[in-house]
Protein backbone atom coordinates (compact mmCIF):
# COMPACT_ATOMS: atom_id res chain seq x y z
CA MET A 1 193.11 119.14 80.83
CA ASP A 2 193.23 118.37 84.32
CA GLY A 3 192.21 119.91 87.37
CA ALA A 4 194.82 122.20 87.96
CA ASP A 5 194.97 122.96 84.59
CA HIS A 6 191.44 124.19 84.58
CA MET A 7 191.95 125.93 87.95
CA THR A 8 194.77 128.00 86.15
CA ASP A 9 192.49 128.90 83.25
CA SER A 10 189.86 130.62 85.44
CA MET A 11 192.21 132.13 87.77
CA THR A 12 194.03 133.78 84.21
CA ASP A 13 190.58 134.46 82.90
CA SER A 14 189.97 136.68 86.20
CA MET A 15 192.87 138.18 85.94
CA THR A 16 192.70 142.02 85.11
CA ASN A 17 193.97 142.91 81.41
CA SER A 18 195.33 145.90 82.06
CA ASP A 19 198.33 144.19 83.12
CA GLY A 20 199.32 143.74 79.60
CA ILE A 21 199.51 147.92 78.96
CA GLY A 22 202.97 148.87 77.80
CA ASP A 23 203.48 145.38 76.69
CA PRO A 24 201.73 144.35 73.17
CA ARG A 25 202.75 140.81 73.98
CA ARG A 26 200.90 140.25 77.05
CA ALA A 27 198.08 142.89 76.01
CA LEU A 28 197.17 140.11 72.58
CA GLY A 29 196.71 137.82 75.03
CA GLY A 30 194.68 139.43 76.87
CA PHE A 31 192.90 140.57 74.41
CA LEU A 32 192.12 136.83 73.29
CA ARG A 33 191.68 135.47 77.31
CA ALA A 34 188.79 138.02 77.27
CA ARG A 35 187.05 137.70 74.23
CA ARG A 36 187.30 133.91 74.44
CA GLY A 37 185.52 134.66 77.68
CA ARG A 38 182.41 136.15 76.16
CA VAL A 39 182.07 133.31 73.38
CA ALA A 40 179.14 131.03 74.75
CA PRO A 41 180.18 127.42 74.29
CA GLU A 42 176.21 126.71 73.17
CA HIS A 43 176.77 129.13 70.21
CA VAL A 44 179.20 127.61 68.51
CA GLY A 45 178.06 123.76 68.82
CA ILE A 46 179.59 122.96 72.27
CA THR A 47 176.55 121.86 74.20
CA GLY A 48 175.89 121.05 77.95
CA GLY A 49 177.63 122.33 81.08
CA ILE A 50 180.25 118.67 81.05
CA ALA A 51 182.23 118.41 78.60
CA GLY A 52 184.66 115.07 78.68
CA GLY A 53 183.47 113.91 81.18
CA ARG A 54 184.42 117.03 83.60
CA ARG A 55 182.24 120.14 85.06
CA ARG A 56 182.90 123.40 82.98
CA ARG A 57 184.59 125.48 85.39
CA VAL A 58 185.56 128.53 82.79
CA ARG A 59 183.57 130.98 81.48
CA GLY A 60 183.09 130.66 77.99
CA LEU A 61 185.25 128.49 75.71
CA ARG A 62 188.49 126.52 76.82
CA ARG A 63 191.66 127.30 74.74
CA GLU A 64 191.61 123.49 72.93
CA GLU A 65 187.80 124.74 72.11
CA LEU A 66 189.23 127.92 70.57
CA ALA A 67 191.95 126.70 69.00
CA GLN A 68 190.38 123.55 67.16
CA LEU A 69 187.22 126.18 66.28
CA ALA A 70 190.62 128.21 64.85
CA GLY A 71 191.67 125.44 62.88
CA ILE A 72 194.65 125.50 64.86
CA SER A 73 197.04 123.90 67.13
CA VAL A 74 196.41 123.86 71.28
CA ASP A 75 200.29 124.80 71.57
CA TYR A 76 200.70 127.32 69.51
CA TYR A 77 197.04 128.89 71.07
CA VAL A 78 198.86 128.61 74.48
CA ARG A 79 201.71 130.24 73.59
CA LEU A 80 200.05 133.39 71.84
CA GLU A 81 198.10 133.99 74.66
CA GLN A 82 200.89 133.90 76.90
CA GLY A 83 203.16 136.13 74.78
CA ARG A 84 205.74 133.32 73.58
CA ALA A 85 204.22 133.33 70.37
CA THR A 86 204.77 136.94 68.02
CA GLN A 87 203.37 138.23 64.81
CA PRO A 88 200.38 135.51 63.91
CA SER A 89 200.06 135.75 60.26
CA PRO A 90 196.87 136.96 59.38
CA GLU A 91 195.48 133.81 58.12
CA VAL A 92 195.80 132.95 62.35
CA LEU A 93 194.29 136.25 62.81
CA ASP A 94 191.95 135.89 60.71
CA ALA A 95 190.82 132.34 61.93
CA LEU A 96 190.63 133.30 65.33
CA ALA A 97 188.69 136.49 64.88
CA GLY A 98 186.05 134.32 63.08
CA ALA A 99 186.20 131.00 66.31
CA LEU A 100 185.41 134.44 68.40
CA GLY A 101 182.83 136.55 65.67
CA LEU A 102 185.10 139.60 66.13
CA ASP A 103 183.44 142.59 64.51
CA ALA A 104 185.41 144.92 62.36
CA ALA A 105 186.76 147.34 64.63
CA GLU A 106 187.19 144.43 67.27
CA ARG A 107 189.45 142.68 64.26
CA GLY A 108 191.19 145.84 63.32
CA HIS A 109 192.36 145.88 66.74
CA LEU A 110 193.64 141.85 67.05
CA SER A 111 195.56 143.19 64.18
CA THR A 112 197.23 145.99 65.76
CA LEU A 113 198.14 143.88 68.72
CA ALA A 114 199.68 141.51 66.21
CA ALA A 115 201.51 144.08 64.39
CA ALA A 116 205.51 143.93 64.70
CA ARG A 117 205.28 147.71 64.44
CA ARG A 118 204.37 149.92 67.32
CA ASP A 119 203.73 153.47 67.11
CA PRO A 120 205.96 155.79 69.47
CA ALA A 121 203.59 158.35 71.76
CA PRO A 122 202.39 160.96 70.14
CA THR A 123 201.96 163.97 70.81
CA ALA A 124 198.40 166.56 70.35
CA ARG A 125 198.24 169.61 68.23
CA VAL A 126 195.22 172.05 67.42
CA SER A 127 196.02 173.68 65.11
CA PRO A 128 194.78 177.34 64.45
CA LEU A 129 192.75 176.11 61.57
CA LEU A 130 190.81 173.83 63.35
CA ARG A 131 189.96 176.62 66.38
CA ARG A 132 188.12 178.65 63.32
CA ILE A 133 186.16 175.99 61.77
CA LEU A 134 184.91 174.76 65.52
CA ASP A 135 184.12 178.45 65.95
CA SER A 136 182.42 179.17 62.90
CA MET A 137 179.95 176.21 63.41
CA GLY A 138 178.48 178.60 66.32
CA ASP A 139 175.09 176.77 65.72
CA PHE A 140 176.31 172.72 65.95
CA PRO A 141 177.98 171.93 69.67
CA ALA A 142 181.50 170.64 68.58
CA PHE A 143 184.65 169.40 70.19
CA ALA A 144 188.09 167.75 69.86
CA THR A 145 189.22 164.39 71.34
CA ASP A 146 192.97 163.21 71.02
CA HIS A 147 193.58 159.49 71.44
CA ARG A 148 193.26 159.40 75.34
CA LEU A 149 189.84 161.04 75.13
CA ASP A 150 191.29 164.92 76.43
CA VAL A 151 189.25 167.41 75.04
CA VAL A 152 191.54 169.48 73.63
CA ALA A 153 189.32 171.93 71.46
CA TRP A 154 185.80 172.91 71.45
CA ASN A 155 183.43 175.64 70.84
CA CYS A 156 181.27 177.56 73.38
CA LEU A 157 177.77 175.27 72.53
CA GLY A 158 179.67 172.51 72.62
CA ALA A 159 181.49 173.42 75.86
CA GLU A 160 178.35 173.82 77.33
CA LEU A 161 176.44 171.54 76.45
CA MET A 162 178.84 168.62 77.41
CA GLY A 163 178.67 170.61 81.36
CA GLY A 164 180.94 172.93 81.38
CA LEU A 165 184.49 171.91 79.19
CA GLY A 166 185.43 175.50 79.13
CA GLU A 167 185.70 175.71 83.36
CA PRO A 168 187.79 173.54 84.73
CA ARG A 169 186.15 173.39 87.86
CA ARG A 170 182.80 172.30 86.55
CA ARG A 171 184.39 168.94 84.70
CA ASP A 172 186.95 167.34 84.52
CA ARG A 173 188.98 167.58 80.35
CA ASN A 174 189.31 164.12 79.82
CA ASN A 175 186.12 162.68 78.84
CA ALA A 176 186.96 158.54 80.45
CA ARG A 177 188.31 160.40 83.76
CA PHE A 178 184.94 162.42 83.97
CA LEU A 179 182.72 159.44 83.04
CA PHE A 180 183.86 156.83 85.93
CA ILE A 181 185.13 159.13 88.48
CA ASP A 182 182.75 161.77 88.50
CA PRO A 183 178.92 161.29 89.45
CA ALA A 184 177.85 163.62 87.14
CA SER A 185 178.64 162.28 84.38
CA ARG A 186 175.74 159.80 84.90
CA VAL A 187 173.52 162.86 84.55
CA VAL A 188 174.78 164.22 81.56
CA PHE A 189 174.60 160.73 80.39
CA PRO A 190 171.31 159.04 80.71
CA ASP A 191 172.56 156.02 78.88
CA TRP A 192 175.76 155.39 80.72
CA GLU A 193 176.77 152.54 79.98
CA ASP A 194 176.82 152.15 76.03
CA ARG A 195 179.05 155.63 76.60
CA ALA A 196 181.53 154.08 79.09
CA ALA A 197 181.74 151.44 76.65
CA GLU A 198 182.36 153.53 73.81
CA ALA A 199 185.16 155.29 75.98
CA VAL A 200 186.98 152.28 76.85
CA GLY A 201 187.03 150.53 73.54
CA GLN A 202 188.43 153.85 72.44
CA LEU A 203 191.39 153.65 75.10
CA ARG A 204 191.78 149.68 74.67
CA VAL A 205 192.33 150.56 70.48
CA ALA A 206 194.75 153.52 71.50
CA ALA A 207 196.79 151.35 74.08
CA GLY A 208 197.21 148.99 71.05
CA ARG A 209 198.62 151.13 69.12
CA TYR A 210 200.99 153.29 71.46
CA PRO A 211 202.05 150.83 74.40
CA GLU A 212 204.96 153.09 74.97
CA ASP A 213 202.78 155.97 76.06
CA ALA A 214 203.12 156.95 79.56
CA GLU A 215 200.71 159.36 80.00
CA LEU A 216 198.12 156.86 78.42
CA ALA A 217 199.24 153.79 80.86
CA ALA A 218 199.36 155.82 84.15
CA LEU A 219 195.13 157.37 82.99
CA ILE A 220 194.16 153.28 82.50
CA THR A 221 196.12 152.33 85.53
CA GLU A 222 193.97 155.28 87.64
CA LEU A 223 190.76 154.53 86.20
CA ALA A 224 191.23 150.72 87.05
CA ALA A 225 192.18 151.30 90.63
CA HIS A 226 189.68 154.05 91.12
CA SER A 227 186.08 152.55 89.37
CA ALA A 228 185.23 149.09 89.37
CA GLU A 229 182.85 149.58 86.41
CA PHE A 230 185.68 150.51 84.11
CA ARG A 231 187.65 147.06 85.40
CA ARG A 232 184.82 145.37 84.79
CA ILE A 233 184.27 146.62 81.07
CA TRP A 234 188.31 146.34 80.37
CA ASP A 235 188.09 142.79 81.49
CA SER A 236 185.48 142.28 79.02
CA GLY A 237 187.82 143.22 76.22
CA GLU A 238 185.25 145.66 74.55
CA VAL A 239 186.31 147.37 71.57
CA VAL A 240 183.71 149.62 70.73
CA MET A 241 184.26 152.33 67.98
CA CYS A 242 181.37 155.52 67.67
CA ALA A 243 181.55 157.16 64.19
CA ALA A 244 177.65 158.44 63.66
CA GLY A 245 173.96 157.95 65.29
CA ARG A 246 172.13 159.85 67.95
CA LYS A 247 173.08 160.44 72.00
CA ARG A 248 171.10 161.36 74.53
CA LEU A 249 172.50 164.36 77.04
CA ARG A 250 170.87 165.41 79.54
CA HIS A 251 171.21 169.89 80.46
CA PRO A 252 170.45 171.76 83.63
CA VAL A 253 168.75 173.55 81.93
CA ALA A 254 167.97 172.58 78.52
CA GLY A 255 166.48 169.22 80.23
CA LEU A 256 166.96 165.82 78.58
CA LEU A 257 168.23 165.89 74.45
CA THR A 258 168.23 163.55 71.70
CA LEU A 259 170.77 164.50 69.13
CA ASP A 260 171.84 163.39 65.99
CA PHE A 261 176.01 163.05 66.28
CA GLU A 262 178.91 162.67 63.60
CA THR A 263 182.45 162.20 64.00
CA LEU A 264 185.33 163.50 62.20
CA HIS A 265 188.38 162.24 62.24
CA VAL A 266 191.37 165.00 61.73
CA PRO A 267 194.50 163.29 59.69
CA ALA A 268 197.71 163.45 61.89
CA ALA A 269 201.14 164.49 60.79
CA PRO A 270 203.88 163.02 61.74
CA GLY A 271 204.75 162.86 65.04
CA GLU A 272 201.40 163.71 66.15
CA THR A 273 197.79 161.91 66.80
CA GLY A 274 195.01 161.87 64.99
CA LEU A 275 191.78 164.09 66.75
CA VAL A 276 188.64 163.29 66.48
CA VAL A 277 185.73 166.17 66.06
CA HIS A 278 182.68 165.10 67.73
CA VAL A 279 179.48 167.16 66.45
CA PHE A 280 176.08 167.30 67.13
CA SER A 281 173.25 168.61 65.77
CA ALA A 282 169.03 168.95 65.75
CA GLU A 283 166.47 168.72 63.43
CA GLU A 284 165.46 172.27 62.45
CA GLY A 285 162.39 173.19 63.91
CA SER A 286 162.25 170.61 66.73
CA ALA A 287 162.00 171.17 70.25
CA GLU A 288 165.88 170.40 70.80
CA ALA A 289 167.21 173.13 67.86
CA ASP A 290 165.00 175.11 70.34
CA ALA A 291 166.74 173.85 72.87
CA LEU A 292 170.10 174.40 71.33
CA ALA A 293 169.83 177.48 70.64
CA ARG A 294 168.76 178.48 74.22
CA LEU A 295 171.69 177.15 75.41
CA GLY A 296 173.49 179.01 72.58
CA LEU A 297 172.43 182.04 74.36
CA ARG A 298 173.20 180.88 77.27
CA ALA A 299 177.01 180.37 76.67
CA ALA A 300 177.97 183.38 74.59
CA PRO A 301 178.34 185.38 77.98
CA ARG A 302 180.27 182.68 79.53
CA ALA A 303 182.53 183.03 76.66
CA VAL A 304 182.80 186.44 76.74
CA ASP A 305 183.65 186.02 80.57
CA THR A 306 186.29 183.25 79.82
CA ALA A 307 187.94 185.60 77.24
CA LEU A 308 188.25 188.48 79.13
CA ARG A 309 189.92 186.91 82.36
């Protein structure tokens, strides 16, 4: 590779990968470039700042290095990145995933981007049963989101815990927009970087699955235009899916809370998007449990006031 190719490779790596939104072929190339840029050469046996007599000018692996690690031709790999090769075989995808060190979520996203089938933009529907289930979980803060991270349903305690979901003037109901545009999100989420990475990872997966979703593409474009942090995380190729664990949240009345959480997936009907229900809880008898009980009392009057309007 000559100097001009090095410069082109470097410039390509620095481009915003959101230009692949709505075009699966470009999205696949953008994801591969981003993940290639995150692999430290020394971690895969490539040492030294100078290779082949030339100083390394690109972040991460070069195209030919990744192709060699994956056991495919450089020309074929270049065509994959440029969107000129379509539907790579499962064996090629597995080899690339192994060379890039992808985890299960990232492998799934790679397969989605490479698939010939694309799901049409879905609609979100909250069934009466789901609303009753959320309301019945009065002691557990809970809310449901769609693939665009719009909060589409919640119970009273969930609305209060998450910064006022029941009052649009207090808080944007799109979790990604709240995280990246509203400074209050950094107060609500002390571990803001982790929450931001989760949001970007989920949007990336959704964009790969629903490339024709104009609302999703508009949201990603808006976030990229208004947030340098969003652009930075998106350009990293981050794919992070949260399922269960612990999260820290700060409430103006209850203070800093460390809560357990689970995500429950609601299957989708044809033409609809599956919803994700986020449920928080605290160990019985803990300070967090007492704080949630106090928040429940605080949230109840708000719920009555909202219902009467």
